[in-house]
PDB file of all heavy atoms in Angstrom:
ATOM      1  N   HIS A   1      82.920  57.545  92.071  1.00  0.00           N
ATOM      2  CA  HIS A   1      83.205  58.412  93.256  1.00  0.00           C
ATOM      3  C   HIS A   1      84.473  59.168  93.052  1.00  0.00           C
ATOM      4  O   HIS A   1      84.553  60.320  93.446  1.00  0.00           O
ATOM      5  CB  HIS A   1      83.189  57.499  94.563  1.00  0.00           C
ATOM      6  CG  HIS A   1      82.006  57.098  95.106  1.00  0.00           C
ATOM      7  ND1 HIS A   1      80.813  57.957  95.236  1.00  0.00           N
ATOM      8  CD2 HIS A   1      81.425  55.983  95.567  1.00  0.00           C
ATOM      9  CE1 HIS A   1      79.807  57.423  95.766  1.00  0.00           C
ATOM     10  NE2 HIS A   1      80.197  56.094  96.036  1.00  0.00           N
ATOM     11  N   TRP A   2      85.458  58.435  92.761  1.00  0.00           N
ATOM     12  CA  TRP A   2      86.849  59.188  92.633  1.00  0.00           C
ATOM     13  C   TRP A   2      86.709  60.241  91.568  1.00  0.00           C
ATOM     14  O   TRP A   2      87.260  61.351  91.701  1.00  0.00           O
ATOM     15  CB  TRP A   2      87.931  58.169  92.119  1.00  0.00           C
ATOM     16  CG  TRP A   2      89.265  58.708  91.955  1.00  0.00           C
ATOM     17  CD1 TRP A   2      89.963  59.078  90.835  1.00  0.00           C
ATOM     18  CD2 TRP A   2      90.128  58.981  93.071  1.00  0.00           C
ATOM     19  NE1 TRP A   2      91.088  59.528  91.071  1.00  0.00           N
ATOM     20  CE2 TRP A   2      91.320  59.551  92.447  1.00  0.00           C
ATOM     21  CE3 TRP A   2      90.150  58.837  94.374  1.00  0.00           C
ATOM     22  CZ2 TRP A   2      92.434  59.828  93.122  1.00  0.00           C
ATOM     23  CZ3 TRP A   2      91.167  59.185  95.192  1.00  0.00           C
ATOM     24  CH2 TRP A   2      92.393  59.703  94.554  1.00  0.00           C
ATOM     25  N   ASP A   3      86.025  59.989  90.467  1.00  0.00           N
ATOM     26  CA  ASP A   3      85.935  60.939  89.344  1.00  0.00           C
ATOM     27  C   ASP A   3      85.036  62.151  89.660  1.00  0.00           C
ATOM     28  O   ASP A   3      85.406  63.317  89.320  1.00  0.00           O
ATOM     29  CB  ASP A   3      85.437  60.384  88.126  1.00  0.00           C
ATOM     30  CG  ASP A   3      85.395  61.268  86.864  1.00  0.00           C
ATOM     31  OD1 ASP A   3      86.541  61.560  86.380  1.00  0.00           O
ATOM     32  OD2 ASP A   3      84.348  61.721  86.382  1.00  0.00           O
ATOM     33  N   LYS A   4      83.936  61.954  90.442  1.00  0.00           N
ATOM     34  CA  LYS A   4      82.883  62.989  90.631  1.00  0.00           C
ATOM     35  C   LYS A   4      82.934  63.630  92.134  1.00  0.00           C
ATOM     36  O   LYS A   4      82.413  64.631  92.147  1.00  0.00           O
ATOM     37  CB  LYS A   4      81.516  62.390  90.332  1.00  0.00           C
ATOM     38  CG  LYS A   4      81.286  61.964  88.836  1.00  0.00           C
ATOM     39  CD  LYS A   4      81.575  63.047  88.003  1.00  0.00           C
ATOM     40  CE  LYS A   4      81.344  62.684  86.525  1.00  0.00           C
ATOM     41  NZ  LYS A   4      81.638  63.721  85.556  1.00  0.00           N
ATOM     42  N   HIS A   5      83.539  62.851  92.996  1.00  0.00           N
ATOM     43  CA  HIS A   5      83.164  63.391  94.385  1.00  0.00           C
ATOM     44  C   HIS A   5      84.445  63.575  95.227  1.00  0.00           C
ATOM     45  O   HIS A   5      84.295  63.778  96.421  1.00  0.00           O
ATOM     46  CB  HIS A   5      82.341  62.224  95.119  1.00  0.00           C
ATOM     47  CG  HIS A   5      81.026  61.942  94.338  1.00  0.00           C
ATOM     48  ND1 HIS A   5      80.680  60.671  94.066  1.00  0.00           N
ATOM     49  CD2 HIS A   5      80.244  62.756  93.707  1.00  0.00           C
ATOM     50  CE1 HIS A   5      79.482  60.685  93.458  1.00  0.00           C
ATOM     51  NE2 HIS A   5      79.161  62.003  93.185  1.00  0.00           N
ATOM     52  N   ARG A   6      85.631  63.751  94.552  1.00  0.00           N
ATOM     53  CA  ARG A   6      86.774  64.101  95.344  1.00  0.00           C
ATOM     54  C   ARG A   6      86.605  65.526  95.985  1.00  0.00           C
ATOM     55  O   ARG A   6      87.207  65.882  97.043  1.00  0.00           O
ATOM     56  CB  ARG A   6      87.991  64.018  94.447  1.00  0.00           C
ATOM     57  CG  ARG A   6      88.655  62.626  94.374  1.00  0.00           C
ATOM     58  CD  ARG A   6      89.922  62.566  93.611  1.00  0.00           C
ATOM     59  NE  ARG A   6      89.611  62.936  92.280  1.00  0.00           N
ATOM     60  CZ  ARG A   6      90.626  63.231  91.364  1.00  0.00           C
ATOM     61  NH1 ARG A   6      91.938  63.337  91.778  1.00  0.00           N
ATOM     62  NH2 ARG A   6      90.362  63.508  90.134  1.00  0.00           N
ATOM     63  N   LYS A   7      85.995  66.376  95.209  1.00  0.00           N
ATOM     64  CA  LYS A   7      85.827  67.797  95.706  1.00  0.00           C
ATOM     65  C   LYS A   7      85.010  67.789  96.933  1.00  0.00           C
ATOM     66  O   LYS A   7      85.281  68.530  97.847  1.00  0.00           O
ATOM     67  CB  LYS A   7      85.406  68.708  94.715  1.00  0.00           C
ATOM     68  CG  LYS A   7      86.409  68.915  93.570  1.00  0.00           C
ATOM     69  CD  LYS A   7      85.959  69.676  92.321  1.00  0.00           C
ATOM     70  CE  LYS A   7      87.094  69.787  91.331  1.00  0.00           C
ATOM     71  NZ  LYS A   7      86.650  70.462  90.035  1.00  0.00           N
ATOM     72  N   ALA A   8      83.909  67.023  96.946  1.00  0.00           N
ATOM     73  CA  ALA A   8      83.085  66.962  98.208  1.00  0.00           C
ATOM     74  C   ALA A   8      83.797  66.431  99.243  1.00  0.00           C
ATOM     75  O   ALA A   8      83.740  66.793 100.455  1.00  0.00           O
ATOM     76  CB  ALA A   8      81.797  66.113  97.783  1.00  0.00           C
ATOM     77  N   PHE A   9      84.717  65.437  99.010  1.00  0.00           N
ATOM     78  CA  PHE A   9      85.507  64.905 100.009  1.00  0.00           C
ATOM     79  C   PHE A   9      86.508  65.834 100.564  1.00  0.00           C
ATOM     80  O   PHE A   9      86.839  65.870 101.824  1.00  0.00           O
ATOM     81  CB  PHE A   9      86.185  63.531  99.492  1.00  0.00           C
ATOM     82  CG  PHE A   9      86.916  62.810 100.534  1.00  0.00           C
ATOM     83  CD1 PHE A   9      86.326  62.101 101.485  1.00  0.00           C
ATOM     84  CD2 PHE A   9      88.373  62.958 100.641  1.00  0.00           C
ATOM     85  CE1 PHE A   9      87.003  61.376 102.486  1.00  0.00           C
ATOM     86  CE2 PHE A   9      89.063  62.343 101.712  1.00  0.00           C
ATOM     87  CZ  PHE A   9      88.358  61.506 102.681  1.00  0.00           C
ATOM     88  N   GLU A  10      87.074  66.591  99.667  1.00  0.00           N
ATOM     89  CA  GLU A  10      88.093  67.589 100.095  1.00  0.00           C
ATOM     90  C   GLU A  10      87.401  68.655 100.988  1.00  0.00           C
ATOM     91  O   GLU A  10      88.115  69.154 101.942  1.00  0.00           O
ATOM     92  CB  GLU A  10      88.808  68.148  98.867  1.00  0.00           C
ATOM     93  CG  GLU A  10      89.820  67.377  98.202  1.00  0.00           C
ATOM     94  CD  GLU A  10      90.943  66.820  99.207  1.00  0.00           C
ATOM     95  OE1 GLU A  10      91.345  67.609 100.001  1.00  0.00           O
ATOM     96  OE2 GLU A  10      91.304  65.612  99.143  1.00  0.00           O
ATOM     97  N   LEU A  11      86.269  68.895 100.726  1.00  0.00           N
ATOM     98  CA  LEU A  11      85.526  69.912 101.525  1.00  0.00           C
ATOM     99  C   LEU A  11      85.322  69.286 102.991  1.00  0.00           C
ATOM    100  O   LEU A  11      85.532  70.019 103.927  1.00  0.00           O
ATOM    101  CB  LEU A  11      84.107  70.261 100.892  1.00  0.00           C
ATOM    102  CG  LEU A  11      83.174  71.094 101.916  1.00  0.00           C
ATOM    103  CD1 LEU A  11      83.876  72.478 102.093  1.00  0.00           C
ATOM    104  CD2 LEU A  11      81.802  71.233 101.124  1.00  0.00           C
ATOM    105  N   GLU A  12      85.036  68.002 103.027  1.00  0.00           N
ATOM    106  CA  GLU A  12      85.012  67.235 104.263  1.00  0.00           C
ATOM    107  C   GLU A  12      86.258  67.383 104.952  1.00  0.00           C
ATOM    108  O   GLU A  12      86.391  67.622 106.308  1.00  0.00           O
ATOM    109  CB  GLU A  12      84.621  65.832 104.052  1.00  0.00           C
ATOM    110  CG  GLU A  12      84.659  64.878 105.281  1.00  0.00           C
ATOM    111  CD  GLU A  12      83.586  65.238 106.313  1.00  0.00           C
ATOM    112  OE1 GLU A  12      82.625  65.967 105.978  1.00  0.00           O
ATOM    113  OE2 GLU A  12      83.749  64.859 107.427  1.00  0.00           O
ATOM    114  N   ARG A  13      87.363  67.263 104.270  1.00  0.00           N
ATOM    115  CA  ARG A  13      88.740  67.315 104.916  1.00  0.00           C
ATOM    116  C   ARG A  13      89.018  68.745 105.397  1.00  0.00           C
ATOM    117  O   ARG A  13      89.851  68.799 106.378  1.00  0.00           O
ATOM    118  CB  ARG A  13      89.803  66.778 103.974  1.00  0.00           C
ATOM    119  CG  ARG A  13      89.846  65.270 103.854  1.00  0.00           C
ATOM    120  CD  ARG A  13      90.846  64.775 102.742  1.00  0.00           C
ATOM    121  NE  ARG A  13      92.229  65.280 103.010  1.00  0.00           N
ATOM    122  CZ  ARG A  13      93.078  64.731 103.993  1.00  0.00           C
ATOM    123  NH1 ARG A  13      92.556  63.688 104.630  1.00  0.00           N
ATOM    124  NH2 ARG A  13      94.300  65.239 104.078  1.00  0.00           N
ATOM    125  N   LEU A  14      88.525  69.713 104.780  1.00  0.00           N
ATOM    126  CA  LEU A  14      88.664  71.052 105.216  1.00  0.00           C
ATOM    127  C   LEU A  14      88.060  71.189 106.666  1.00  0.00           C
ATOM    128  O   LEU A  14      88.542  72.054 107.480  1.00  0.00           O
ATOM    129  CB  LEU A  14      88.157  72.036 104.279  1.00  0.00           C
ATOM    130  CG  LEU A  14      88.894  72.251 103.041  1.00  0.00           C
ATOM    131  CD1 LEU A  14      88.092  73.190 101.961  1.00  0.00           C
ATOM    132  CD2 LEU A  14      90.209  72.638 103.082  1.00  0.00           C
ATOM    133  N   TYR A  15      87.021  70.493 106.904  1.00  0.00           N
ATOM    134  CA  TYR A  15      86.254  70.475 108.109  1.00  0.00           C
ATOM    135  C   TYR A  15      86.977  69.505 109.165  1.00  0.00           C
ATOM    136  O   TYR A  15      87.081  69.664 110.300  1.00  0.00           O
ATOM    137  CB  TYR A  15      84.867  70.182 108.103  1.00  0.00           C
ATOM    138  CG  TYR A  15      84.001  71.349 107.608  1.00  0.00           C
ATOM    139  CD1 TYR A  15      83.721  71.513 106.338  1.00  0.00           C
ATOM    140  CD2 TYR A  15      83.430  72.180 108.569  1.00  0.00           C
ATOM    141  CE1 TYR A  15      82.822  72.557 105.853  1.00  0.00           C
ATOM    142  CE2 TYR A  15      82.591  73.258 108.226  1.00  0.00           C
ATOM    143  CZ  TYR A  15      82.341  73.400 106.803  1.00  0.00           C
ATOM    144  OH  TYR A  15      81.433  74.467 106.469  1.00  0.00           O
ATOM    145  N   ASN A  16      87.321  68.301 108.529  1.00  0.00           N
ATOM    146  CA  ASN A  16      87.855  67.146 109.399  1.00  0.00           C
ATOM    147  C   ASN A  16      89.029  66.495 108.677  1.00  0.00           C
ATOM    148  O   ASN A  16      88.752  65.723 107.735  1.00  0.00           O
ATOM    149  CB  ASN A  16      86.683  66.267 109.561  1.00  0.00           C
ATOM    150  CG  ASN A  16      87.031  64.816 110.216  1.00  0.00           C
ATOM    151  OD1 ASN A  16      88.077  64.773 110.879  1.00  0.00           O
ATOM    152  ND2 ASN A  16      86.294  63.791 110.046  1.00  0.00           N
ATOM    153  N   GLU A  17      90.213  66.877 109.144  1.00  0.00           N
ATOM    154  CA  GLU A  17      91.368  66.418 108.388  1.00  0.00           C
ATOM    155  C   GLU A  17      91.520  64.901 108.570  1.00  0.00           C
ATOM    156  O   GLU A  17      92.360  64.334 107.788  1.00  0.00           O
ATOM    157  CB  GLU A  17      92.560  67.034 108.970  1.00  0.00           C
ATOM    158  CG  GLU A  17      92.860  66.866 110.483  1.00  0.00           C
ATOM    159  CD  GLU A  17      94.069  67.573 111.000  1.00  0.00           C
ATOM    160  OE1 GLU A  17      94.515  68.439 110.312  1.00  0.00           O
ATOM    161  OE2 GLU A  17      94.591  67.277 112.138  1.00  0.00           O
ATOM    162  N   ASN A  18      90.859  64.265 109.367  1.00  0.00           N
ATOM    163  CA  ASN A  18      91.005  62.829 109.647  1.00  0.00           C
ATOM    164  C   ASN A  18      90.121  61.968 108.663  1.00  0.00           C
ATOM    165  O   ASN A  18      90.180  60.734 108.599  1.00  0.00           O
ATOM    166  CB  ASN A  18      90.618  62.405 111.105  1.00  0.00           C
ATOM    167  CG  ASN A  18      91.624  62.951 112.043  1.00  0.00           C
ATOM    168  OD1 ASN A  18      92.841  63.000 111.811  1.00  0.00           O
ATOM    169  ND2 ASN A  18      91.102  63.444 113.212  1.00  0.00           N
ATOM    170  N   ALA A  19      89.238  62.665 107.868  1.00  0.00           N
ATOM    171  CA  ALA A  19      88.347  61.913 106.867  1.00  0.00           C
ATOM    172  C   ALA A  19      89.372  61.290 105.897  1.00  0.00           C
ATOM    173  O   ALA A  19      90.244  61.814 105.449  1.00  0.00           O
ATOM    174  CB  ALA A  19      87.362  62.845 106.308  1.00  0.00           C
ATOM    175  N   ALA A  20      88.933  60.048 105.473  1.00  0.00           N
ATOM    176  CA  ALA A  20      89.746  59.253 104.615  1.00  0.00           C
ATOM    177  C   ALA A  20      89.026  58.517 103.480  1.00  0.00           C
ATOM    178  O   ALA A  20      89.555  58.329 102.397  1.00  0.00           O
ATOM    179  CB  ALA A  20      90.692  58.379 105.386  1.00  0.00           C
ATOM    180  N   GLN A  21      87.767  58.040 103.796  1.00  0.00           N
ATOM    181  CA  GLN A  21      87.129  57.166 102.792  1.00  0.00           C
ATOM    182  C   GLN A  21      85.647  57.307 102.813  1.00  0.00           C
ATOM    183  O   GLN A  21      85.087  57.822 103.774  1.00  0.00           O
ATOM    184  CB  GLN A  21      87.554  55.777 103.087  1.00  0.00           C
ATOM    185  CG  GLN A  21      86.821  55.034 104.275  1.00  0.00           C
ATOM    186  CD  GLN A  21      87.309  55.310 105.566  1.00  0.00           C
ATOM    187  OE1 GLN A  21      88.365  55.778 105.725  1.00  0.00           O
ATOM    188  NE2 GLN A  21      86.449  55.183 106.585  1.00  0.00           N
ATOM    189  N   ILE A  22      85.074  56.647 101.754  1.00  0.00           N
ATOM    190  CA  ILE A  22      83.585  56.414 101.714  1.00  0.00           C
ATOM    191  C   ILE A  22      83.367  55.025 101.698  1.00  0.00           C
ATOM    192  O   ILE A  22      84.045  54.305 101.026  1.00  0.00           O
ATOM    193  CB  ILE A  22      82.971  57.031 100.331  1.00  0.00           C
ATOM    194  CG1 ILE A  22      83.090  58.533 100.490  1.00  0.00           C
ATOM    195  CG2 ILE A  22      81.574  56.591 100.151  1.00  0.00           C
ATOM    196  CD1 ILE A  22      82.472  59.225  99.238  1.00  0.00           C
ATOM    197  N   LYS A  23      82.491  54.536 102.594  1.00  0.00           N
ATOM    198  CA  LYS A  23      82.091  53.144 102.628  1.00  0.00           C
ATOM    199  C   LYS A  23      80.681  52.994 101.943  1.00  0.00           C
ATOM    200  O   LYS A  23      79.872  53.588 102.313  1.00  0.00           O
ATOM    201  CB  LYS A  23      82.021  52.590 104.046  1.00  0.00           C
ATOM    202  CG  LYS A  23      83.377  52.600 104.763  1.00  0.00           C
ATOM    203  CD  LYS A  23      83.207  52.021 106.182  1.00  0.00           C
ATOM    204  CE  LYS A  23      84.513  51.912 106.937  1.00  0.00           C
ATOM    205  NZ  LYS A  23      84.329  51.380 108.250  1.00  0.00           N
ATOM    206  N   CYS A  24      80.549  52.170 101.009  1.00  0.00           N
ATOM    207  CA  CYS A  24      79.418  51.847 100.150  1.00  0.00           C
ATOM    208  C   CYS A  24      78.790  50.444 100.615  1.00  0.00           C
ATOM    209  O   CYS A  24      79.467  49.503 100.490  1.00  0.00           O
ATOM    210  CB  CYS A  24      79.591  51.984  98.647  1.00  0.00           C
ATOM    211  SG  CYS A  24      80.214  53.578  98.175  1.00  0.00           S
ATOM    212  N   GLN A  25      77.497  50.469 100.995  1.00  0.00           N
ATOM    213  CA  GLN A  25      76.947  49.332 101.408  1.00  0.00           C
ATOM    214  C   GLN A  25      76.540  48.500 100.240  1.00  0.00           C
ATOM    215  O   GLN A  25      76.509  48.930  99.127  1.00  0.00           O
ATOM    216  CB  GLN A  25      75.712  49.636 102.318  1.00  0.00           C
ATOM    217  CG  GLN A  25      76.142  50.212 103.660  1.00  0.00           C
ATOM    218  CD  GLN A  25      74.883  50.339 104.638  1.00  0.00           C
ATOM    219  OE1 GLN A  25      74.043  50.989 104.241  1.00  0.00           O
ATOM    220  NE2 GLN A  25      74.887  49.704 105.750  1.00  0.00           N
ATOM    221  N   VAL A  26      76.105  47.272 100.513  1.00  0.00           N
ATOM    222  CA  VAL A  26      75.926  46.285  99.426  1.00  0.00           C
ATOM    223  C   VAL A  26      74.842  46.770  98.409  1.00  0.00           C
ATOM    224  O   VAL A  26      75.039  46.613  97.221  1.00  0.00           O
ATOM    225  CB  VAL A  26      75.480  44.879 100.055  1.00  0.00           C
ATOM    226  CG1 VAL A  26      74.955  43.935  98.913  1.00  0.00           C
ATOM    227  CG2 VAL A  26      76.628  44.256 100.707  1.00  0.00           C
ATOM    228  N   VAL A  27      73.828  47.295  98.885  1.00  0.00           N
ATOM    229  CA  VAL A  27      72.638  47.723  97.992  1.00  0.00           C
ATOM    230  C   VAL A  27      72.825  49.072  97.478  1.00  0.00           C
ATOM    231  O   VAL A  27      71.916  49.587  96.850  1.00  0.00           O
ATOM    232  CB  VAL A  27      71.242  47.632  98.692  1.00  0.00           C
ATOM    233  CG1 VAL A  27      70.923  46.077  99.081  1.00  0.00           C
ATOM    234  CG2 VAL A  27      71.189  48.436  99.943  1.00  0.00           C
ATOM    235  N   GLY A  28      73.982  49.829  97.811  1.00  0.00           N
ATOM    236  CA  GLY A  28      74.245  51.030  97.212  1.00  0.00           C
ATOM    237  C   GLY A  28      74.123  52.210  98.137  1.00  0.00           C
ATOM    238  O   GLY A  28      74.359  53.324  97.659  1.00  0.00           O
ATOM    239  N   GLY A  29      73.831  52.122  99.444  1.00  0.00           N
ATOM    240  CA  GLY A  29      73.815  53.231 100.239  1.00  0.00           C
ATOM    241  C   GLY A  29      75.246  53.461 100.857  1.00  0.00           C
ATOM    242  O   GLY A  29      76.090  52.775 100.614  1.00  0.00           O
ATOM    243  N   ILE A  30      75.264  54.595 101.511  1.00  0.00           N
ATOM    244  CA  ILE A  30      76.545  54.934 102.264  1.00  0.00           C
ATOM    245  C   ILE A  30      76.236  54.543 103.663  1.00  0.00           C
ATOM    246  O   ILE A  30      75.299  54.991 104.338  1.00  0.00           O
ATOM    247  CB  ILE A  30      76.844  56.443 102.020  1.00  0.00           C
ATOM    248  CG1 ILE A  30      77.431  56.672 100.613  1.00  0.00           C
ATOM    249  CG2 ILE A  30      77.873  56.961 103.046  1.00  0.00           C
ATOM    250  CD1 ILE A  30      77.907  58.020 100.314  1.00  0.00           C
ATOM    251  N   LYS A  31      77.364  54.015 104.288  1.00  0.00           N
ATOM    252  CA  LYS A  31      77.202  53.669 105.682  1.00  0.00           C
ATOM    253  C   LYS A  31      76.999  54.945 106.427  1.00  0.00           C
ATOM    254  O   LYS A  31      77.648  55.992 106.453  1.00  0.00           O
ATOM    255  CB  LYS A  31      78.501  53.037 106.196  1.00  0.00           C
ATOM    256  CG  LYS A  31      78.527  52.274 107.480  1.00  0.00           C
ATOM    257  CD  LYS A  31      79.759  51.477 107.737  1.00  0.00           C
ATOM    258  CE  LYS A  31      79.775  50.761 108.923  1.00  0.00           C
ATOM    259  NZ  LYS A  31      78.761  49.636 109.034  1.00  0.00           N
ATOM    260  N   ASP A  32      75.956  54.796 107.444  1.00  0.00           N
ATOM    261  CA  ASP A  32      75.536  55.944 108.403  1.00  0.00           C
ATOM    262  C   ASP A  32      75.063  57.144 107.540  1.00  0.00           C
ATOM    263  O   ASP A  32      75.027  58.215 108.005  1.00  0.00           O
ATOM    264  CB  ASP A  32      76.816  56.482 109.148  1.00  0.00           C
ATOM    265  CG  ASP A  32      77.340  55.325 110.013  1.00  0.00           C
ATOM    266  OD1 ASP A  32      76.647  54.475 110.494  1.00  0.00           O
ATOM    267  OD2 ASP A  32      78.579  55.302 110.099  1.00  0.00           O
TER     268      ASP A  32
END
């Protein structure tokens, strides 16, 4: 996630400056 998805996350922060993390569920999904 850190290597491949920081840019997607930074895009999220451009929309929502309070975004901070990705939560990964036990079987591999993303929360919500």
